[in-house]
Amino acid sequence: MKLTNKGTAAQPIRILGLSGPDGQRPVLDGDGVRLSGAGPTPRALMQVEGEYYVIENLEFKHARNGNNGAGVRFNGALNATVRNCKITYCDMGLQGNDRETATIEH
């Protein structure tokens, strides 16, 4: 999924996974998902191309294309934060070229 909208420093776009009754994070599973990065196809389960995003409390797994499939990719993004996320079984966990600050917490 490509995220291209723009938030602001005061009002970032928040993508927040709410834990279930078992306390587990929601899972984005890339098994069988095409992540080639060719044309409009993203190279990650969540590809941030916008501004001021906070991605929080999610699990990303099985993001693979045989080379560089990522759980989360910053592609020319501006001020993105990934917080309290779990990224496993991917070619690459995080990938990118954030234009300002990419923050990874917990």
PDB file of N, CA and C in Angstrom:
ATOM      1  N   MET A   1       0.837  -1.162   0.000  1.00  0.00           N
ATOM      2  CA  MET A   1       0.000   0.000   0.000  1.00  0.00           C
ATOM      3  C   MET A   1       0.886   1.231   0.000  1.00  0.00           C
ATOM      4  N   LYS A   2       0.592   2.174  -0.883  1.00  0.00           N
ATOM      5  CA  LYS A   2       1.320   3.432  -0.939  1.00  0.00           C
ATOM      6  C   LYS A   2       0.555   4.491  -0.179  1.00  0.00           C
ATOM      7  N   LEU A   3       1.270   5.238   0.645  1.00  0.00           N
ATOM      8  CA  LEU A   3       0.685   6.323   1.422  1.00  0.00           C
ATOM      9  C   LEU A   3       1.284   7.628   0.928  1.00  0.00           C
ATOM     10  N   THR A   4       0.472   8.460   0.296  1.00  0.00           N
ATOM     11  CA  THR A   4       1.000   9.661  -0.355  1.00  0.00           C
ATOM     12  C   THR A   4       0.412  10.967   0.181  1.00  0.00           C
ATOM     13  N   ASN A   5      -0.519  10.898   1.095  1.00  0.00           N
ATOM     14  CA  ASN A   5      -1.123  12.121   1.633  1.00  0.00           C
ATOM     15  C   ASN A   5      -0.133  12.879   2.506  1.00  0.00           C
ATOM     16  N   LYS A   6      -0.481  14.114   2.839  1.00  0.00           N
ATOM     17  CA  LYS A   6       0.403  14.957   3.628  1.00  0.00           C
ATOM     18  C   LYS A   6      -0.260  15.341   4.943  1.00  0.00           C
ATOM     19  N   GLY A   7       0.440  15.023   6.027  1.00  0.00           N
ATOM     20  CA  GLY A   7       0.055  15.533   7.332  1.00  0.00           C
ATOM     21  C   GLY A   7       0.906  16.760   7.617  1.00  0.00           C
ATOM     22  N   THR A   8       0.887  17.205   8.862  1.00  0.00           N
ATOM     23  CA  THR A   8       1.731  18.319   9.293  1.00  0.00           C
ATOM     24  C   THR A   8       2.415  17.925  10.598  1.00  0.00           C
ATOM     25  N   ALA A   9       3.374  18.724  11.031  1.00  0.00           N
ATOM     26  CA  ALA A   9       4.038  18.447  12.305  1.00  0.00           C
ATOM     27  C   ALA A   9       3.022  18.452  13.443  1.00  0.00           C
ATOM     28  N   ALA A  10       2.066  19.379  13.393  1.00  0.00           N
ATOM     29  CA  ALA A  10       1.047  19.481  14.453  1.00  0.00           C
ATOM     30  C   ALA A  10      -0.042  18.413  14.314  1.00  0.00           C
ATOM     31  N   GLN A  11      -0.302  17.968  13.090  1.00  0.00           N
ATOM     32  CA  GLN A  11      -1.345  16.979  12.844  1.00  0.00           C
ATOM     33  C   GLN A  11      -0.846  15.920  11.860  1.00  0.00           C
ATOM     34  N   PRO A  12       0.006  14.997  12.360  1.00  0.00           N
ATOM     35  CA  PRO A  12       0.493  13.942  11.479  1.00  0.00           C
ATOM     36  C   PRO A  12      -0.613  12.953  11.135  1.00  0.00           C
ATOM     37  N   ILE A  13      -0.415  12.228  10.066  1.00  0.00           N
ATOM     38  CA  ILE A  13      -1.322  11.138   9.711  1.00  0.00           C
ATOM     39  C   ILE A  13      -0.904   9.942  10.539  1.00  0.00           C
ATOM     40  N   ARG A  14      -1.825   9.433  11.357  1.00  0.00           N
ATOM     41  CA  ARG A  14      -1.517   8.316  12.257  1.00  0.00           C
ATOM     42  C   ARG A  14      -2.188   7.052  11.755  1.00  0.00           C
ATOM     43  N   ILE A  15      -1.383   6.016  11.631  1.00  0.00           N
ATOM     44  CA  ILE A  15      -1.892   4.691  11.298  1.00  0.00           C
ATOM     45  C   ILE A  15      -1.602   3.839  12.523  1.00  0.00           C
ATOM     46  N   LEU A  16      -2.648   3.567  13.270  1.00  0.00           N
ATOM     47  CA  LEU A  16      -2.522   2.952  14.577  1.00  0.00           C
ATOM     48  C   LEU A  16      -3.227   1.602  14.599  1.00  0.00           C
ATOM     49  N   GLY A  17      -2.466   0.553  14.902  1.00  0.00           N
ATOM     50  CA  GLY A  17      -3.056  -0.768  15.057  1.00  0.00           C
ATOM     51  C   GLY A  17      -3.542  -0.943  16.487  1.00  0.00           C
ATOM     52  N   LEU A  18      -4.786  -1.312  16.643  1.00  0.00           N
ATOM     53  CA  LEU A  18      -5.347  -1.531  17.976  1.00  0.00           C
ATOM     54  C   LEU A  18      -5.204  -2.998  18.340  1.00  0.00           C
ATOM     55  N   SER A  19      -4.596  -3.258  19.475  1.00  0.00           N
ATOM     56  CA  SER A  19      -4.384  -4.630  19.925  1.00  0.00           C
ATOM     57  C   SER A  19      -5.708  -5.302  20.233  1.00  0.00           C
ATOM     58  N   GLY A  20      -5.762  -6.593  19.927  1.00  0.00           N
ATOM     59  CA  GLY A  20      -6.958  -7.380  20.229  1.00  0.00           C
ATOM     60  C   GLY A  20      -6.982  -7.785  21.690  1.00  0.00           C
ATOM     61  N   PRO A  21      -7.993  -8.572  22.082  1.00  0.00           N
ATOM     62  CA  PRO A  21      -8.111  -8.992  23.473  1.00  0.00           C
ATOM     63  C   PRO A  21      -6.915  -9.819  23.947  1.00  0.00           C
ATOM     64  N   ASP A  22      -6.199 -10.429  23.003  1.00  0.00           N
ATOM     65  CA  ASP A  22      -5.023 -11.222  23.358  1.00  0.00           C
ATOM     66  C   ASP A  22      -3.768 -10.362  23.460  1.00  0.00           C
ATOM     67  N   GLY A  23      -3.879  -9.058  23.195  1.00  0.00           N
ATOM     68  CA  GLY A  23      -2.751  -8.144  23.286  1.00  0.00           C
ATOM     69  C   GLY A  23      -1.853  -8.132  22.063  1.00  0.00           C
ATOM     70  N   GLN A  24      -2.186  -8.901  21.041  1.00  0.00           N
ATOM     71  CA  GLN A  24      -1.360  -8.974  19.833  1.00  0.00           C
ATOM     72  C   GLN A  24      -1.634  -7.796  18.907  1.00  0.00           C
ATOM     73  N   ARG A  25      -0.578  -7.367  18.211  1.00  0.00           N
ATOM     74  CA  ARG A  25      -0.723  -6.307  17.211  1.00  0.00           C
ATOM     75  C   ARG A  25      -1.453  -6.850  15.978  1.00  0.00           C
ATOM     76  N   PRO A  26      -2.169  -6.005  15.252  1.00  0.00           N
ATOM     77  CA  PRO A  26      -2.703  -6.416  13.949  1.00  0.00           C
ATOM     78  C   PRO A  26      -1.546  -6.737  13.001  1.00  0.00           C
ATOM     79  N   VAL A  27      -1.724  -7.728  12.129  1.00  0.00           N
ATOM     80  CA  VAL A  27      -0.661  -8.220  11.252  1.00  0.00           C
ATOM     81  C   VAL A  27      -0.960  -7.871   9.799  1.00  0.00           C
ATOM     82  N   LEU A  28       0.032  -7.311   9.117  1.00  0.00           N
ATOM     83  CA  LEU A  28      -0.010  -7.147   7.667  1.00  0.00           C
ATOM     84  C   LEU A  28       0.908  -8.222   7.116  1.00  0.00           C
ATOM     85  N   ASP A  29       0.329  -9.229   6.487  1.00  0.00           N
ATOM     86  CA  ASP A  29       1.068 -10.398   6.009  1.00  0.00           C
ATOM     87  C   ASP A  29       1.210 -10.307   4.493  1.00  0.00           C
ATOM     88  N   GLY A  30       2.454 -10.261   4.019  1.00  0.00           N
ATOM     89  CA  GLY A  30       2.715 -10.110   2.592  1.00  0.00           C
ATOM     90  C   GLY A  30       2.776 -11.401   1.815  1.00  0.00           C
ATOM     91  N   ASP A  31       2.449 -12.518   2.445  1.00  0.00           N
ATOM     92  CA  ASP A  31       2.493 -13.798   1.738  1.00  0.00           C
ATOM     93  C   ASP A  31       1.598 -13.734   0.501  1.00  0.00           C
ATOM     94  N   GLY A  32       2.206 -13.877  -0.668  1.00  0.00           N
ATOM     95  CA  GLY A  32       1.457 -13.840  -1.928  1.00  0.00           C
ATOM     96  C   GLY A  32       1.227 -12.446  -2.491  1.00  0.00           C
ATOM     97  N   VAL A  33       1.713 -11.400  -1.815  1.00  0.00           N
ATOM     98  CA  VAL A  33       1.526 -10.030  -2.283  1.00  0.00           C
ATOM     99  C   VAL A  33       2.684  -9.655  -3.205  1.00  0.00           C
ATOM    100  N   ARG A  34       2.376  -9.063  -4.334  1.00  0.00           N
ATOM    101  CA  ARG A  34       3.398  -8.630  -5.295  1.00  0.00           C
ATOM    102  C   ARG A  34       4.029  -7.322  -4.811  1.00  0.00           C
ATOM    103  N   LEU A  35       5.336  -7.353  -4.571  1.00  0.00           N
ATOM    104  CA  LEU A  35       6.055  -6.184  -4.068  1.00  0.00           C
ATOM    105  C   LEU A  35       7.279  -5.893  -4.948  1.00  0.00           C
ATOM    106  N   SER A  36       7.063  -5.768  -6.225  1.00  0.00           N
ATOM    107  CA  SER A  36       8.175  -5.632  -7.177  1.00  0.00           C
ATOM    108  C   SER A  36       8.819  -4.252  -7.173  1.00  0.00           C
ATOM    109  N   GLY A  37       8.074  -3.231  -6.839  1.00  0.00           N
ATOM    110  CA  GLY A  37       8.582  -1.866  -6.941  1.00  0.00           C
ATOM    111  C   GLY A  37       8.556  -1.334  -8.362  1.00  0.00           C
ATOM    112  N   ALA A  38       8.043  -2.114  -9.300  1.00  0.00           N
ATOM    113  CA  ALA A  38       7.977  -1.697 -10.702  1.00  0.00           C
ATOM    114  C   ALA A  38       6.747  -0.833 -10.948  1.00  0.00           C
ATOM    115  N   GLY A  39       6.953   0.306 -11.588  1.00  0.00           N
ATOM    116  CA  GLY A  39       5.833   1.201 -11.880  1.00  0.00           C
ATOM    117  C   GLY A  39       5.125   1.627 -10.611  1.00  0.00           C
ATOM    118  N   PRO A  40       3.797   1.532 -10.589  1.00  0.00           N
ATOM    119  CA  PRO A  40       3.055   1.967  -9.401  1.00  0.00           C
ATOM    120  C   PRO A  40       3.025   0.935  -8.269  1.00  0.00           C
ATOM    121  N   THR A  41       3.602  -0.232  -8.486  1.00  0.00           N
ATOM    122  CA  THR A  41       3.574  -1.289  -7.481  1.00  0.00           C
ATOM    123  C   THR A  41       4.580  -0.991  -6.376  1.00  0.00           C
ATOM    124  N   PRO A  42       4.151  -0.947  -5.101  1.00  0.00           N
ATOM    125  CA  PRO A  42       5.096  -0.674  -4.024  1.00  0.00           C
ATOM    126  C   PRO A  42       6.103  -1.805  -3.834  1.00  0.00           C
ATOM    127  N   ARG A  43       7.195  -1.499  -3.156  1.00  0.00           N
ATOM    128  CA  ARG A  43       8.225  -2.475  -2.839  1.00  0.00           C
ATOM    129  C   ARG A  43       8.137  -2.862  -1.364  1.00  0.00           C
ATOM    130  N   ALA A  44       7.046  -2.486  -0.705  1.00  0.00           N
ATOM    131  CA  ALA A  44       6.880  -2.758   0.722  1.00  0.00           C
ATOM    132  C   ALA A  44       5.412  -2.948   1.049  1.00  0.00           C
ATOM    133  N   LEU A  45       5.150  -3.589   2.177  1.00  0.00           N
ATOM    134  CA  LEU A  45       3.757  -3.720   2.609  1.00  0.00           C
ATOM    135  C   LEU A  45       3.146  -2.354   2.886  1.00  0.00           C
ATOM    136  N   MET A  46       3.955  -1.434   3.444  1.00  0.00           N
ATOM    137  CA  MET A  46       3.508  -0.069   3.655  1.00  0.00           C
ATOM    138  C   MET A  46       4.614   0.855   3.149  1.00  0.00           C
ATOM    139  N   GLN A  47       4.341   1.561   2.055  1.00  0.00           N
ATOM    140  CA  GLN A  47       5.321   2.442   1.429  1.00  0.00           C
ATOM    141  C   GLN A  47       4.883   3.885   1.622  1.00  0.00           C
ATOM    142  N   VAL A  48       5.645   4.640   2.407  1.00  0.00           N
ATOM    143  CA  VAL A  48       5.302   6.016   2.747  1.00  0.00           C
ATOM    144  C   VAL A  48       5.997   6.955   1.770  1.00  0.00           C
ATOM    145  N   GLU A  49       5.188   7.723   1.041  1.00  0.00           N
ATOM    146  CA  GLU A  49       5.699   8.717   0.104  1.00  0.00           C
ATOM    147  C   GLU A  49       5.175  10.103   0.444  1.00  0.00           C
ATOM    148  N   GLY A  50       4.454  10.218   1.526  1.00  0.00           N
ATOM    149  CA  GLY A  50       3.861  11.485   1.949  1.00  0.00           C
ATOM    150  C   GLY A  50       4.665  12.161   3.032  1.00  0.00           C
ATOM    151  N   GLU A  51       3.987  13.014   3.783  1.00  0.00           N
ATOM    152  CA  GLU A  51       4.650  13.808   4.811  1.00  0.00           C
ATOM    153  C   GLU A  51       3.997  13.611   6.168  1.00  0.00           C
ATOM    154  N   TYR A  52       4.826  13.553   7.188  1.00  0.00           N
ATOM    155  CA  TYR A  52       4.398  13.484   8.586  1.00  0.00           C
ATOM    156  C   TYR A  52       3.438  12.324   8.843  1.00  0.00           C
ATOM    157  N   TYR A  53       4.005  11.127   8.865  1.00  0.00           N
ATOM    158  CA  TYR A  53       3.265   9.901   9.168  1.00  0.00           C
ATOM    159  C   TYR A  53       3.774   9.303  10.470  1.00  0.00           C
ATOM    160  N   VAL A  54       2.872   8.738  11.247  1.00  0.00           N
ATOM    161  CA  VAL A  54       3.219   7.935  12.411  1.00  0.00           C
ATOM    162  C   VAL A  54       2.559   6.573  12.205  1.00  0.00           C
ATOM    163  N   ILE A  55       3.377   5.536  12.119  1.00  0.00           N
ATOM    164  CA  ILE A  55       2.895   4.161  11.951  1.00  0.00           C
ATOM    165  C   ILE A  55       3.190   3.457  13.261  1.00  0.00           C
ATOM    166  N   GLU A  56       2.133   2.954  13.903  1.00  0.00           N
ATOM    167  CA  GLU A  56       2.302   2.499  15.286  1.00  0.00           C
ATOM    168  C   GLU A  56       1.535   1.211  15.577  1.00  0.00           C
ATOM    169  N   ASN A  57       2.189   0.335  16.335  1.00  0.00           N
ATOM    170  CA  ASN A  57       1.564  -0.859  16.895  1.00  0.00           C
ATOM    171  C   ASN A  57       1.029  -1.820  15.829  1.00  0.00           C
ATOM    172  N   LEU A  58       1.846  -2.102  14.814  1.00  0.00           N
ATOM    173  CA  LEU A  58       1.484  -3.055  13.764  1.00  0.00           C
ATOM    174  C   LEU A  58       2.588  -4.098  13.631  1.00  0.00           C
ATOM    175  N   GLU A  59       2.251  -5.225  13.050  1.00  0.00           N
ATOM    176  CA  GLU A  59       3.239  -6.243  12.725  1.00  0.00           C
ATOM    177  C   GLU A  59       3.243  -6.436  11.210  1.00  0.00           C
ATOM    178  N   PHE A  60       4.441  -6.449  10.634  1.00  0.00           N
ATOM    179  CA  PHE A  60       4.628  -6.660   9.206  1.00  0.00           C
ATOM    180  C   PHE A  60       5.429  -7.944   9.030  1.00  0.00           C
ATOM    181  N   LYS A  61       4.962  -8.829   8.153  1.00  0.00           N
ATOM    182  CA  LYS A  61       5.736 -10.047   7.922  1.00  0.00           C
ATOM    183  C   LYS A  61       5.557 -10.544   6.491  1.00  0.00           C
ATOM    184  N   HIS A  62       6.528 -11.327   6.053  1.00  0.00           N
ATOM    185  CA  HIS A  62       6.547 -11.969   4.734  1.00  0.00           C
ATOM    186  C   HIS A  62       6.533 -10.981   3.566  1.00  0.00           C
ATOM    187  N   ALA A  63       7.214  -9.850   3.718  1.00  0.00           N
ATOM    188  CA  ALA A  63       7.355  -8.910   2.596  1.00  0.00           C
ATOM    189  C   ALA A  63       8.571  -9.359   1.803  1.00  0.00           C
ATOM    190  N   ARG A  64       8.320 -10.046   0.701  1.00  0.00           N
ATOM    191  CA  ARG A  64       9.428 -10.616  -0.067  1.00  0.00           C
ATOM    192  C   ARG A  64       9.195 -10.446  -1.567  1.00  0.00           C
ATOM    193  N   ASN A  65      10.292 -10.170  -2.249  1.00  0.00           N
ATOM    194  CA  ASN A  65      10.280 -10.202  -3.707  1.00  0.00           C
ATOM    195  C   ASN A  65      11.544 -10.895  -4.214  1.00  0.00           C
ATOM    196  N   GLY A  66      12.254 -11.571  -3.298  1.00  0.00           N
ATOM    197  CA  GLY A  66      13.472 -12.278  -3.646  1.00  0.00           C
ATOM    198  C   GLY A  66      14.714 -11.417  -3.573  1.00  0.00           C
ATOM    199  N   ASN A  67      14.536 -10.136  -3.257  1.00  0.00           N
ATOM    200  CA  ASN A  67      15.678  -9.238  -3.215  1.00  0.00           C
ATOM    201  C   ASN A  67      15.538  -8.188  -2.119  1.00  0.00           C
ATOM    202  N   ASN A  68      14.532  -7.318  -2.237  1.00  0.00           N
ATOM    203  CA  ASN A  68      14.449  -6.184  -1.326  1.00  0.00           C
ATOM    204  C   ASN A  68      13.020  -5.795  -0.954  1.00  0.00           C
ATOM    205  N   GLY A  69      12.156  -6.766  -0.787  1.00  0.00           N
ATOM    206  CA  GLY A  69      10.817  -6.477  -0.282  1.00  0.00           C
ATOM    207  C   GLY A  69      10.930  -6.049   1.175  1.00  0.00           C
ATOM    208  N   ALA A  70      10.248  -4.985   1.554  1.00  0.00           N
ATOM    209  CA  ALA A  70      10.378  -4.439   2.907  1.00  0.00           C
ATOM    210  C   ALA A  70       9.040  -4.430   3.640  1.00  0.00           C
ATOM    211  N   GLY A  71       9.122  -4.480   4.950  1.00  0.00           N
ATOM    212  CA  GLY A  71       7.921  -4.296   5.757  1.00  0.00           C
ATOM    213  C   GLY A  71       7.418  -2.873   5.603  1.00  0.00           C
ATOM    214  N   VAL A  72       8.339  -1.900   5.803  1.00  0.00           N
ATOM    215  CA  VAL A  72       8.019  -0.478   5.665  1.00  0.00           C
ATOM    216  C   VAL A  72       9.112   0.169   4.823  1.00  0.00           C
ATOM    217  N   ARG A  73       8.699   0.991   3.878  1.00  0.00           N
ATOM    218  CA  ARG A  73       9.653   1.714   3.026  1.00  0.00           C
ATOM    219  C   ARG A  73       9.311   3.197   3.038  1.00  0.00           C
ATOM    220  N   PHE A  74      10.337   4.029   3.249  1.00  0.00           N
ATOM    221  CA  PHE A  74      10.203   5.476   3.109  1.00  0.00           C
ATOM    222  C   PHE A  74      10.763   5.837   1.751  1.00  0.00           C
ATOM    223  N   ASN A  75       9.926   6.304   0.852  1.00  0.00           N
ATOM    224  CA  ASN A  75      10.361   6.620  -0.506  1.00  0.00           C
ATOM    225  C   ASN A  75      10.162   8.110  -0.751  1.00  0.00           C
ATOM    226  N   GLY A  76      11.174   8.895  -0.401  1.00  0.00           N
ATOM    227  CA  GLY A  76      11.050  10.346  -0.531  1.00  0.00           C
ATOM    228  C   GLY A  76      10.084  10.934   0.470  1.00  0.00           C
ATOM    229  N   ALA A  77       9.826  10.222   1.553  1.00  0.00           N
ATOM    230  CA  ALA A  77       8.904  10.689   2.582  1.00  0.00           C
ATOM    231  C   ALA A  77       9.527  11.849   3.356  1.00  0.00           C
ATOM    232  N   LEU A  78       8.709  12.496   4.152  1.00  0.00           N
ATOM    233  CA  LEU A  78       9.165  13.613   4.963  1.00  0.00           C
ATOM    234  C   LEU A  78       8.689  13.407   6.398  1.00  0.00           C
ATOM    235  N   ASN A  79       9.626  13.250   7.322  1.00  0.00           N
ATOM    236  CA  ASN A  79       9.323  13.139   8.753  1.00  0.00           C
ATOM    237  C   ASN A  79       8.356  12.007   9.080  1.00  0.00           C
ATOM    238  N   ALA A  80       8.812  10.790   8.911  1.00  0.00           N
ATOM    239  CA  ALA A  80       8.014   9.606   9.217  1.00  0.00           C
ATOM    240  C   ALA A  80       8.514   8.956  10.501  1.00  0.00           C
ATOM    241  N   THR A  81       7.575   8.380  11.268  1.00  0.00           N
ATOM    242  CA  THR A  81       7.911   7.683  12.506  1.00  0.00           C
ATOM    243  C   THR A  81       7.295   6.296  12.482  1.00  0.00           C
ATOM    244  N   VAL A  82       8.091   5.297  12.851  1.00  0.00           N
ATOM    245  CA  VAL A  82       7.591   3.935  13.059  1.00  0.00           C
ATOM    246  C   VAL A  82       7.804   3.634  14.534  1.00  0.00           C
ATOM    247  N   ARG A  83       6.715   3.301  15.226  1.00  0.00           N
ATOM    248  CA  ARG A  83       6.771   3.135  16.672  1.00  0.00           C
ATOM    249  C   ARG A  83       6.103   1.829  17.089  1.00  0.00           C
ATOM    250  N   ASN A  84       6.787   1.065  17.915  1.00  0.00           N
ATOM    251  CA  ASN A  84       6.224  -0.151  18.514  1.00  0.00           C
ATOM    252  C   ASN A  84       5.690  -1.127  17.456  1.00  0.00           C
ATOM    253  N   CYS A  85       6.450  -1.288  16.387  1.00  0.00           N
ATOM    254  CA  CYS A  85       6.078  -2.226  15.327  1.00  0.00           C
ATOM    255  C   CYS A  85       7.028  -3.412  15.335  1.00  0.00           C
ATOM    256  N   LYS A  86       6.536  -4.525  14.861  1.00  0.00           N
ATOM    257  CA  LYS A  86       7.353  -5.734  14.732  1.00  0.00           C
ATOM    258  C   LYS A  86       7.436  -6.061  13.247  1.00  0.00           C
ATOM    259  N   ILE A  87       8.672  -6.282  12.751  1.00  0.00           N
ATOM    260  CA  ILE A  87       8.871  -6.581  11.337  1.00  0.00           C
ATOM    261  C   ILE A  87       9.710  -7.846  11.246  1.00  0.00           C
ATOM    262  N   THR A  88       9.126  -8.921  10.670  1.00  0.00           N
ATOM    263  CA  THR A  88       9.824 -10.202  10.612  1.00  0.00           C
ATOM    264  C   THR A  88       9.633 -10.871   9.254  1.00  0.00           C
ATOM    265  N   TYR A  89      10.583 -11.767   8.916  1.00  0.00           N
ATOM    266  CA  TYR A  89      10.508 -12.619   7.731  1.00  0.00           C
ATOM    267  C   TYR A  89      10.344 -11.829   6.437  1.00  0.00           C
ATOM    268  N   CYS A  90      11.010 -10.675   6.354  1.00  0.00           N
ATOM    269  CA  CYS A  90      10.998  -9.839   5.156  1.00  0.00           C
ATOM    270  C   CYS A  90      12.394  -9.850   4.548  1.00  0.00           C
ATOM    271  N   ASP A  91      12.504  -9.549   3.233  1.00  0.00           N
ATOM    272  CA  ASP A  91      13.834  -9.386   2.634  1.00  0.00           C
ATOM    273  C   ASP A  91      14.593  -8.287   3.377  1.00  0.00           C
ATOM    274  N   MET A  92      13.893  -7.185   3.637  1.00  0.00           N
ATOM    275  CA  MET A  92      14.452  -6.062   4.392  1.00  0.00           C
ATOM    276  C   MET A  92      13.373  -5.606   5.371  1.00  0.00           C
ATOM    277  N   GLY A  93      13.761  -5.258   6.572  1.00  0.00           N
ATOM    278  CA  GLY A  93      12.772  -4.767   7.531  1.00  0.00           C
ATOM    279  C   GLY A  93      12.273  -3.389   7.134  1.00  0.00           C
ATOM    280  N   LEU A  94      13.193  -2.427   7.150  1.00  0.00           N
ATOM    281  CA  LEU A  94      12.916  -1.046   6.775  1.00  0.00           C
ATOM    282  C   LEU A  94      13.831  -0.669   5.621  1.00  0.00           C
ATOM    283  N   GLN A  95      13.320   0.181   4.754  1.00  0.00           N
ATOM    284  CA  GLN A  95      14.099   0.610   3.593  1.00  0.00           C
ATOM    285  C   GLN A  95      13.725   2.041   3.288  1.00  0.00           C
ATOM    286  N   GLY A  96      14.649   2.834   2.785  1.00  0.00           N
ATOM    287  CA  GLY A  96      14.188   4.114   2.323  1.00  0.00           C
ATOM    288  C   GLY A  96      15.182   5.230   2.248  1.00  0.00           C
ATOM    289  N   ASN A  97      14.623   6.367   1.882  1.00  0.00           N
ATOM    290  CA  ASN A  97      15.365   7.601   1.716  1.00  0.00           C
ATOM    291  C   ASN A  97      14.489   8.767   2.147  1.00  0.00           C
ATOM    292  N   ASP A  98      14.183   8.819   3.432  1.00  0.00           N
ATOM    293  CA  ASP A  98      13.368   9.905   3.979  1.00  0.00           C
ATOM    294  C   ASP A  98      14.083  11.235   3.722  1.00  0.00           C
ATOM    295  N   ARG A  99      13.345  12.259   3.339  1.00  0.00           N
ATOM    296  CA  ARG A  99      13.946  13.553   2.991  1.00  0.00           C
ATOM    297  C   ARG A  99      14.337  14.376   4.209  1.00  0.00           C
ATOM    298  N   GLU A 100      13.817  14.080   5.356  1.00  0.00           N
ATOM    299  CA  GLU A 100      14.160  14.836   6.560  1.00  0.00           C
ATOM    300  C   GLU A 100      14.552  13.856   7.663  1.00  0.00           C
ATOM    301  N   THR A 101      13.599  13.459   8.493  1.00  0.00           N
ATOM    302  CA  THR A 101      13.901  12.634   9.647  1.00  0.00           C
ATOM    303  C   THR A 101      13.024  11.395   9.643  1.00  0.00           C
ATOM    304  N   ALA A 102      13.630  10.237   9.692  1.00  0.00           N
ATOM    305  CA  ALA A 102      12.902   8.994   9.897  1.00  0.00           C
ATOM    306  C   ALA A 102      13.216   8.550  11.331  1.00  0.00           C
ATOM    307  N   THR A 103      12.177   8.346  12.126  1.00  0.00           N
ATOM    308  CA  THR A 103      12.340   7.977  13.520  1.00  0.00           C
ATOM    309  C   THR A 103      11.819   6.568  13.736  1.00  0.00           C
ATOM    310  N   ILE A 104      12.641   5.733  14.363  1.00  0.00           N
ATOM    311  CA  ILE A 104      12.253   4.369  14.679  1.00  0.00           C
ATOM    312  C   ILE A 104      12.279   4.259  16.208  1.00  0.00           C
ATOM    313  N   GLU A 105      11.146   3.894  16.805  1.00  0.00           N
ATOM    314  CA  GLU A 105      11.069   3.789  18.259  1.00  0.00           C
ATOM    315  C   GLU A 105      10.552   2.419  18.662  1.00  0.00           C
ATOM    316  N   HIS A 106      11.141   1.874  19.716  1.00  0.00           N
ATOM    317  CA  HIS A 106      10.739   0.598  20.339  1.00  0.00           C
ATOM    318  C   HIS A 106      10.799  -0.528  19.338  1.00  0.00           C
TER     319      HIS A 106
END
